[in-house]
Amino acid sequence: MYKTIVIHSRSTYWTNPELSEEMEVDSDDLAKELEEKCNELNQSGYEIFTILPISSGNVVNGNGYYHTESIIIVARKK
């Protein structure tokens, strides 16, 4: 049996939203939540099968951005 969990990167912000400059993801926050969810799955008898980053972004006239929107954890019952 497999189980999937999605973690959204909540702590994202623009360094300059008016100019659509660089978007940053709080990697420390995302890593902490990833660790917590992996430990919860392990305690529930699941083994982590894979972790997939989901990127999102936009490109207009050759300029754009991409960021990690979320992470999907796929685990299987031990």
N, C-alpha and C. Protein backbone atom coordinates (compact mmCIF):
# COMPACT_ATOMS: atom_id res chain seq x y z
N MET A 1 0.84 -1.16 0.00
CA MET A 1 0.00 0.00 0.00
C MET A 1 0.89 1.24 0.00
N TYR A 2 0.52 2.23 -0.81
CA TYR A 2 1.27 3.49 -0.92
C TYR A 2 0.46 4.64 -0.32
N LYS A 3 1.18 5.65 0.12
CA LYS A 3 0.56 6.86 0.66
C LYS A 3 1.34 8.06 0.13
N THR A 4 0.63 9.12 -0.23
CA THR A 4 1.30 10.34 -0.71
C THR A 4 0.90 11.52 0.18
N ILE A 5 1.86 12.41 0.38
CA ILE A 5 1.64 13.63 1.16
C ILE A 5 2.23 14.79 0.36
N VAL A 6 1.52 15.90 0.32
CA VAL A 6 2.00 17.10 -0.37
C VAL A 6 2.33 18.15 0.68
N ILE A 7 3.51 18.75 0.54
CA ILE A 7 3.92 19.86 1.40
C ILE A 7 4.09 21.08 0.50
N HIS A 8 3.33 22.12 0.75
CA HIS A 8 3.43 23.35 -0.04
C HIS A 8 4.45 24.29 0.61
N SER A 9 5.24 24.95 -0.20
CA SER A 9 6.21 25.91 0.33
C SER A 9 5.46 27.21 0.64
N ARG A 10 5.11 27.36 1.89
CA ARG A 10 4.30 28.50 2.32
C ARG A 10 5.10 29.79 2.44
N SER A 11 6.38 29.68 2.74
CA SER A 11 7.18 30.87 3.04
C SER A 11 7.92 31.36 1.81
N THR A 12 7.17 31.77 0.79
CA THR A 12 7.80 32.32 -0.41
C THR A 12 7.50 33.81 -0.45
N TYR A 13 8.39 34.56 -1.03
CA TYR A 13 8.18 36.00 -1.15
C TYR A 13 9.00 36.54 -2.31
N TRP A 14 8.59 37.67 -2.81
CA TRP A 14 9.32 38.36 -3.87
C TRP A 14 10.34 39.29 -3.23
N THR A 15 11.55 39.35 -3.79
CA THR A 15 12.52 40.33 -3.29
C THR A 15 12.12 41.73 -3.75
N ASN A 16 11.42 41.83 -4.88
CA ASN A 16 10.89 43.10 -5.35
C ASN A 16 9.66 42.79 -6.20
N PRO A 17 8.47 42.72 -5.58
CA PRO A 17 7.27 42.32 -6.31
C PRO A 17 6.88 43.25 -7.44
N GLU A 18 7.18 44.54 -7.34
CA GLU A 18 6.80 45.48 -8.40
C GLU A 18 7.56 45.22 -9.69
N LEU A 19 8.78 44.75 -9.57
CA LEU A 19 9.59 44.46 -10.76
C LEU A 19 9.62 42.98 -11.09
N SER A 20 8.85 42.18 -10.35
CA SER A 20 8.80 40.72 -10.54
C SER A 20 10.20 40.12 -10.48
N GLU A 21 11.01 40.63 -9.57
CA GLU A 21 12.34 40.08 -9.39
C GLU A 21 12.26 38.83 -8.53
N GLU A 22 13.35 38.23 -8.35
CA GLU A 22 13.57 36.95 -7.71
C GLU A 22 12.57 36.55 -6.61
N MET A 23 12.01 35.37 -6.77
CA MET A 23 11.15 34.79 -5.73
C MET A 23 12.01 33.82 -4.94
N GLU A 24 11.89 33.86 -3.63
CA GLU A 24 12.70 32.99 -2.79
C GLU A 24 11.80 32.07 -1.97
N VAL A 25 12.26 30.85 -1.78
CA VAL A 25 11.58 29.87 -0.96
C VAL A 25 12.38 29.72 0.32
N ASP A 26 11.70 29.69 1.45
CA ASP A 26 12.37 29.49 2.73
C ASP A 26 12.72 28.00 2.84
N SER A 27 13.91 27.64 2.41
CA SER A 27 14.35 26.24 2.37
C SER A 27 14.41 25.61 3.75
N ASP A 28 14.78 26.39 4.75
CA ASP A 28 14.86 25.85 6.11
C ASP A 28 13.48 25.42 6.60
N ASP A 29 12.47 26.24 6.33
CA ASP A 29 11.10 25.92 6.72
C ASP A 29 10.61 24.67 6.00
N LEU A 30 10.89 24.59 4.71
CA LEU A 30 10.46 23.45 3.90
C LEU A 30 11.16 22.16 4.36
N ALA A 31 12.45 22.25 4.65
CA ALA A 31 13.20 21.09 5.11
C ALA A 31 12.69 20.59 6.46
N LYS A 32 12.35 21.51 7.35
CA LYS A 32 11.84 21.13 8.67
C LYS A 32 10.52 20.37 8.54
N GLU A 33 9.63 20.89 7.70
CA GLU A 33 8.34 20.22 7.51
C GLU A 33 8.51 18.87 6.82
N LEU A 34 9.44 18.80 5.87
CA LEU A 34 9.72 17.53 5.20
C LEU A 34 10.21 16.49 6.20
N GLU A 35 11.13 16.89 7.08
CA GLU A 35 11.64 15.98 8.11
C GLU A 35 10.52 15.50 9.03
N GLU A 36 9.66 16.42 9.46
CA GLU A 36 8.55 16.05 10.34
C GLU A 36 7.62 15.03 9.68
N LYS A 37 7.26 15.28 8.42
CA LYS A 37 6.34 14.37 7.72
C LYS A 37 6.98 13.00 7.48
N CYS A 38 8.27 12.98 7.14
CA CYS A 38 8.96 11.70 6.94
C CYS A 38 9.01 10.90 8.23
N ASN A 39 9.28 11.58 9.34
CA ASN A 39 9.31 10.89 10.64
C ASN A 39 7.93 10.37 11.04
N GLU A 40 6.87 11.16 10.76
CA GLU A 40 5.51 10.70 11.03
C GLU A 40 5.18 9.46 10.22
N LEU A 41 5.54 9.46 8.95
CA LEU A 41 5.28 8.29 8.10
C LEU A 41 6.03 7.07 8.62
N ASN A 42 7.28 7.26 8.99
CA ASN A 42 8.09 6.16 9.52
C ASN A 42 7.46 5.58 10.78
N GLN A 43 7.00 6.44 11.69
CA GLN A 43 6.38 5.99 12.93
C GLN A 43 5.05 5.28 12.67
N SER A 44 4.42 5.59 11.54
CA SER A 44 3.15 4.93 11.17
C SER A 44 3.37 3.66 10.37
N GLY A 45 4.63 3.24 10.22
CA GLY A 45 4.92 1.99 9.52
C GLY A 45 5.13 2.12 8.03
N TYR A 46 5.46 3.32 7.56
CA TYR A 46 5.71 3.54 6.14
C TYR A 46 7.19 3.76 5.89
N GLU A 47 7.63 3.37 4.71
CA GLU A 47 8.99 3.58 4.26
C GLU A 47 8.94 4.59 3.11
N ILE A 48 9.80 5.61 3.15
CA ILE A 48 9.80 6.62 2.09
C ILE A 48 10.26 5.97 0.79
N PHE A 49 9.44 6.08 -0.24
CA PHE A 49 9.74 5.52 -1.55
C PHE A 49 10.44 6.56 -2.43
N THR A 50 9.89 7.79 -2.46
CA THR A 50 10.51 8.86 -3.24
C THR A 50 10.00 10.22 -2.75
N ILE A 51 10.77 11.26 -3.03
CA ILE A 51 10.40 12.63 -2.73
C ILE A 51 10.56 13.43 -4.02
N LEU A 52 9.47 14.05 -4.46
CA LEU A 52 9.45 14.76 -5.75
C LEU A 52 9.24 16.25 -5.55
N PRO A 53 10.14 17.09 -6.06
CA PRO A 53 9.88 18.53 -6.02
C PRO A 53 8.95 18.92 -7.18
N ILE A 54 8.02 19.81 -6.91
CA ILE A 54 7.11 20.32 -7.93
C ILE A 54 7.45 21.79 -8.15
N SER A 55 7.88 22.11 -9.37
CA SER A 55 8.26 23.48 -9.68
C SER A 55 7.12 24.21 -10.37
N SER A 56 7.08 25.51 -10.16
CA SER A 56 6.06 26.35 -10.78
C SER A 56 6.73 27.65 -11.18
N GLY A 57 6.18 28.30 -12.17
CA GLY A 57 6.77 29.57 -12.58
C GLY A 57 6.06 30.16 -13.78
N ASN A 58 6.70 31.18 -14.33
CA ASN A 58 6.11 31.89 -15.45
C ASN A 58 7.24 32.53 -16.25
N VAL A 59 7.10 32.51 -17.57
CA VAL A 59 8.07 33.17 -18.44
C VAL A 59 7.30 34.06 -19.41
N VAL A 60 7.69 35.33 -19.48
CA VAL A 60 7.07 36.28 -20.40
C VAL A 60 8.18 37.04 -21.10
N ASN A 61 8.17 37.00 -22.43
CA ASN A 61 9.18 37.71 -23.23
C ASN A 61 10.61 37.34 -22.83
N GLY A 62 10.84 36.10 -22.53
CA GLY A 62 12.19 35.64 -22.20
C GLY A 62 12.60 35.86 -20.75
N ASN A 63 11.78 36.53 -19.97
CA ASN A 63 12.08 36.74 -18.56
C ASN A 63 11.08 35.95 -17.72
N GLY A 64 11.55 35.41 -16.63
CA GLY A 64 10.62 34.67 -15.80
C GLY A 64 11.26 34.15 -14.54
N TYR A 65 10.55 33.24 -13.91
CA TYR A 65 11.00 32.67 -12.66
C TYR A 65 10.45 31.25 -12.51
N TYR A 66 11.12 30.46 -11.73
CA TYR A 66 10.66 29.14 -11.32
C TYR A 66 11.00 28.97 -9.86
N HIS A 67 10.14 28.34 -9.12
CA HIS A 67 10.41 28.06 -7.71
C HIS A 67 9.80 26.72 -7.33
N THR A 68 10.25 26.18 -6.22
CA THR A 68 9.68 24.93 -5.72
C THR A 68 8.36 25.27 -5.05
N GLU A 69 7.28 24.90 -5.71
CA GLU A 69 5.94 25.19 -5.19
C GLU A 69 5.57 24.24 -4.07
N SER A 70 5.96 22.98 -4.24
CA SER A 70 5.61 21.98 -3.24
C SER A 70 6.53 20.76 -3.40
N ILE A 71 6.37 19.85 -2.45
CA ILE A 71 7.11 18.58 -2.47
C ILE A 71 6.09 17.48 -2.25
N ILE A 72 6.20 16.41 -3.02
CA ILE A 72 5.34 15.24 -2.83
C ILE A 72 6.18 14.12 -2.27
N ILE A 73 5.71 13.56 -1.16
CA ILE A 73 6.37 12.40 -0.55
C ILE A 73 5.53 11.17 -0.89
N VAL A 74 6.14 10.15 -1.44
CA VAL A 74 5.46 8.89 -1.70
C VAL A 74 6.10 7.85 -0.79
N ALA A 75 5.25 7.17 -0.02
CA ALA A 75 5.74 6.18 0.93
C ALA A 75 4.95 4.88 0.75
N ARG A 76 5.55 3.77 1.14
CA ARG A 76 4.84 2.49 1.06
C ARG A 76 4.89 1.80 2.42
N LYS A 77 3.85 1.05 2.68
CA LYS A 77 3.74 0.32 3.94
C LYS A 77 4.86 -0.70 4.03
N LYS A 78 5.51 -0.78 5.19
CA LYS A 78 6.63 -1.73 5.40
C LYS A 78 6.10 -3.15 5.49
